[in-house]
Amino acid sequence: MAHLHIVAAPNPIFRQKAVPVVDVDDGIKALAEQMLDVMYENRGIGIAANMVGLLHRIIVVDIQPDGNRDPLVCINPEITWASDETSTNEEASLSFPGISADITRPNAIKLTYLDQQGEKQELDAEGFLAIVIQHEMDYLDGRTYLDHLSKMKRDRLLKKMQKYLKQGHACGDPHCGHDHH
């Protein structure tokens, strides 16, 4: 398998729905591990398969509680419940460098998914973890966090991102190792 890398916007893959994983085989397990590697290389806290150019229903998340790695791999994740209580948080994406926006989402969710052994799992997530999971799951459904904004605000942010990229910035990290040109 070729080395995965972050797909930058604009890209039509962000409007496509990811396809459910039929069998959690060695290829899917290796893909999940590579997604984690890409996430850590880019100092991210979550990525969806669309963000590395693949249309599998897989997200990886690690909010690193207490500064330690604690990766969560969710294959075929599905939110089965969301709280009425919401919170607004600043969100950004490795695929949309140089921009961020305040997004309102449910503050708690219940999630079902398959783990890397193909076993069904349930997770009650709240706060930051719930927000990150919802953010990544948007990608699997052909949406991005910018779709939660008005068209005017979204267009303004996309112009800002294009300007940011034209100025030679990449992800804003001086230690970034991936090629942006």
Protein backbone atom coordinates (compact mmCIF):
# COMPACT_ATOMS: atom_id res chain seq x y z
CA MET A 1 0.00 0.00 0.00
CA ALA A 2 1.36 3.41 -0.95
CA HIS A 3 2.10 5.84 1.84
CA LEU A 4 -1.01 7.84 2.66
CA HIS A 5 -1.02 11.62 2.86
CA ILE A 6 -3.54 14.32 3.74
CA VAL A 7 -5.73 15.40 0.83
CA ALA A 8 -6.10 19.18 0.73
CA ALA A 9 -9.30 21.00 -0.16
CA PRO A 10 -10.79 21.67 -2.56
CA ASN A 11 -11.19 18.05 -3.60
CA PRO A 12 -14.34 16.23 -4.80
CA ILE A 13 -13.71 13.38 -2.33
CA PHE A 14 -15.05 15.64 0.42
CA ARG A 15 -18.50 15.48 -1.23
CA GLN A 16 -18.53 11.69 -1.57
CA LYS A 17 -19.99 9.26 0.96
CA ALA A 18 -17.66 6.62 2.29
CA VAL A 19 -18.61 2.99 1.77
CA PRO A 20 -19.09 0.62 4.74
CA VAL A 21 -16.26 -1.83 5.40
CA VAL A 22 -17.55 -5.36 4.69
CA ASP A 23 -14.72 -7.33 6.29
CA VAL A 24 -12.18 -6.14 8.86
CA ASP A 25 -9.27 -7.99 7.23
CA ASP A 26 -5.52 -7.43 7.38
CA GLY A 27 -5.76 -4.75 4.67
CA ILE A 28 -8.27 -2.72 6.69
CA LYS A 29 -6.20 -3.15 9.86
CA ALA A 30 -3.09 -1.92 8.01
CA LEU A 31 -5.06 1.00 6.58
CA ALA A 32 -6.22 2.03 10.06
CA GLU A 33 -2.62 1.89 11.33
CA GLN A 34 -1.45 4.03 8.40
CA MET A 35 -4.23 6.53 9.09
CA LEU A 36 -3.03 6.79 12.69
CA ASP A 37 0.55 7.31 11.44
CA VAL A 38 -0.58 10.12 9.10
CA MET A 39 -2.62 11.72 11.90
CA TYR A 40 0.37 11.69 14.27
CA GLU A 41 2.82 12.86 11.55
CA ASN A 42 0.58 15.88 10.91
CA ARG A 43 -0.06 16.54 14.60
CA GLY A 44 -3.77 15.94 14.15
CA ILE A 45 -6.31 14.65 16.65
CA GLY A 46 -8.52 12.85 14.16
CA ILE A 47 -8.86 11.95 10.51
CA ALA A 48 -11.44 10.23 8.35
CA ALA A 49 -10.53 7.95 5.45
CA ASN A 50 -11.73 10.59 2.95
CA MET A 51 -8.97 12.87 4.24
CA VAL A 52 -6.35 10.43 2.95
CA GLY A 53 -8.16 9.86 -0.35
CA LEU A 54 -10.07 6.69 0.51
CA LEU A 55 -13.80 6.07 0.69
CA HIS A 56 -13.94 3.56 3.56
CA ARG A 57 -16.10 4.27 6.63
CA ILE A 58 -13.15 4.54 9.01
CA ILE A 59 -12.15 7.31 11.41
CA VAL A 60 -9.20 7.46 13.77
CA VAL A 61 -9.14 9.78 16.76
CA ASP A 62 -6.67 10.52 19.52
CA ILE A 63 -7.30 13.57 21.69
CA GLN A 64 -4.33 12.44 23.81
CA PRO A 65 -5.76 12.82 27.28
CA ASP A 66 -2.99 13.57 29.77
CA GLY A 67 -0.58 14.00 26.83
CA ASN A 68 -0.39 10.24 26.18
CA ARG A 69 -1.41 8.50 22.99
CA ASP A 70 -4.75 6.74 23.32
CA PRO A 71 -5.86 5.97 19.75
CA LEU A 72 -9.44 5.13 18.90
CA VAL A 73 -10.10 3.35 15.59
CA CYS A 74 -13.76 3.27 14.54
CA ILE A 75 -14.77 1.17 11.55
CA ASN A 76 -18.32 1.76 10.28
CA PRO A 77 -19.06 4.24 13.08
CA GLU A 78 -22.67 5.21 13.64
CA ILE A 79 -24.08 7.76 16.05
CA THR A 80 -27.10 6.16 17.69
CA TRP A 81 -27.96 9.04 20.02
CA ALA A 82 -27.02 12.71 20.36
CA SER A 83 -27.78 15.03 23.26
CA ASP A 84 -30.07 18.02 22.94
CA GLU A 85 -27.45 20.00 24.83
CA THR A 86 -24.95 21.58 22.46
CA SER A 87 -21.64 23.38 22.71
CA THR A 88 -19.82 25.66 20.33
CA ASN A 89 -16.13 25.03 19.75
CA GLU A 90 -13.46 26.24 17.35
CA GLU A 91 -12.84 23.54 14.75
CA ALA A 92 -10.16 23.21 12.11
CA SER A 93 -8.99 20.51 9.72
CA LEU A 94 -5.70 19.26 8.31
CA SER A 95 -7.43 19.27 4.91
CA PHE A 96 -8.36 22.97 5.24
CA PRO A 97 -5.09 24.59 6.39
CA GLY A 98 -4.96 28.09 7.81
CA ILE A 99 -8.63 28.44 8.74
CA SER A 100 -10.98 27.56 11.58
CA ALA A 101 -14.56 28.30 12.58
CA ASP A 102 -16.85 28.09 15.58
CA ILE A 103 -19.19 25.12 15.11
CA THR A 104 -22.13 24.09 17.31
CA ARG A 105 -22.69 20.36 17.82
CA PRO A 106 -24.36 18.04 20.34
CA ASN A 107 -22.21 17.85 23.47
CA ALA A 108 -22.65 14.08 23.97
CA ILE A 109 -23.17 11.09 21.68
CA LYS A 110 -23.53 7.34 21.76
CA LEU A 111 -21.48 5.60 19.08
CA THR A 112 -21.44 2.04 17.76
CA TYR A 113 -18.53 0.86 15.63
CA LEU A 114 -16.30 -2.09 14.84
CA ASP A 115 -12.85 -2.16 16.40
CA GLN A 116 -9.70 -3.40 14.63
CA GLN A 117 -10.60 -6.99 15.51
CA GLY A 118 -13.99 -6.59 13.84
CA GLU A 119 -15.79 -6.66 17.20
CA LYS A 120 -18.82 -4.43 17.74
CA GLN A 121 -18.20 -1.72 20.33
CA GLU A 122 -20.29 0.99 21.95
CA LEU A 123 -18.94 4.26 23.25
CA ASP A 124 -20.51 7.07 25.24
CA ALA A 125 -18.56 10.20 24.36
CA GLU A 126 -19.00 13.71 25.67
CA GLY A 127 -17.26 17.04 25.46
CA PHE A 128 -14.17 17.32 23.29
CA LEU A 129 -14.11 13.63 22.29
CA ALA A 130 -17.75 13.77 21.12
CA ILE A 131 -17.03 16.91 19.09
CA VAL A 132 -13.96 15.39 17.38
CA ILE A 133 -15.84 12.17 16.51
CA GLN A 134 -18.73 14.14 14.97
CA HIS A 135 -16.27 16.33 13.04
CA GLU A 136 -14.56 13.28 11.51
CA MET A 137 -17.83 11.48 10.81
CA ASP A 138 -19.03 14.45 8.74
CA TYR A 139 -16.34 13.55 6.19
CA LEU A 140 -17.71 10.00 5.89
CA ASP A 141 -21.07 11.47 4.88
CA GLY A 142 -19.68 13.83 2.24
CA ARG A 143 -19.68 16.89 4.51
CA THR A 144 -17.06 19.03 6.19
CA TYR A 145 -17.20 21.24 9.25
CA LEU A 146 -17.57 24.25 6.93
CA ASP A 147 -20.98 22.93 5.84
CA HIS A 148 -22.29 23.95 9.26
CA LEU A 149 -21.72 27.61 8.29
CA SER A 150 -23.62 30.00 6.06
CA LYS A 151 -22.53 30.05 2.40
CA MET A 152 -21.15 33.57 2.82
CA LYS A 153 -19.01 32.63 5.82
CA ARG A 154 -17.86 29.38 4.17
CA ASP A 155 -16.86 31.20 0.96
CA ARG A 156 -14.96 33.82 2.96
CA LEU A 157 -13.02 31.14 4.85
CA LEU A 158 -12.19 29.23 1.65
CA LYS A 159 -10.82 32.44 0.10
CA LYS A 160 -8.75 32.97 3.24
CA MET A 161 -7.41 29.41 2.95
CA GLN A 162 -6.45 29.94 -0.72
CA LYS A 163 -4.61 33.14 0.20
CA TYR A 164 -2.87 31.31 3.05
CA LEU A 165 -1.70 28.58 0.68
CA LYS A 166 -0.57 31.06 -2.01
CA GLN A 167 1.63 32.75 0.56
CA GLY A 168 3.56 29.50 0.81
CA HIS A 169 2.16 28.39 4.13
CA ALA A 170 1.43 24.77 4.54
CA CYS A 171 -0.15 23.57 7.72
CA GLY A 172 1.36 26.38 9.77
CA ASP A 173 3.76 24.01 11.48
CA PRO A 174 7.43 24.91 10.95
CA HIS A 175 8.37 21.28 11.67
CA CYS A 176 5.94 19.92 9.08
CA GLY A 177 7.58 17.37 6.84
CA HIS A 178 5.10 16.98 4.02
CA ASP A 179 5.44 18.62 0.62
CA HIS A 180 2.88 21.35 0.00
CA HIS A 181 4.12 22.58 -3.36
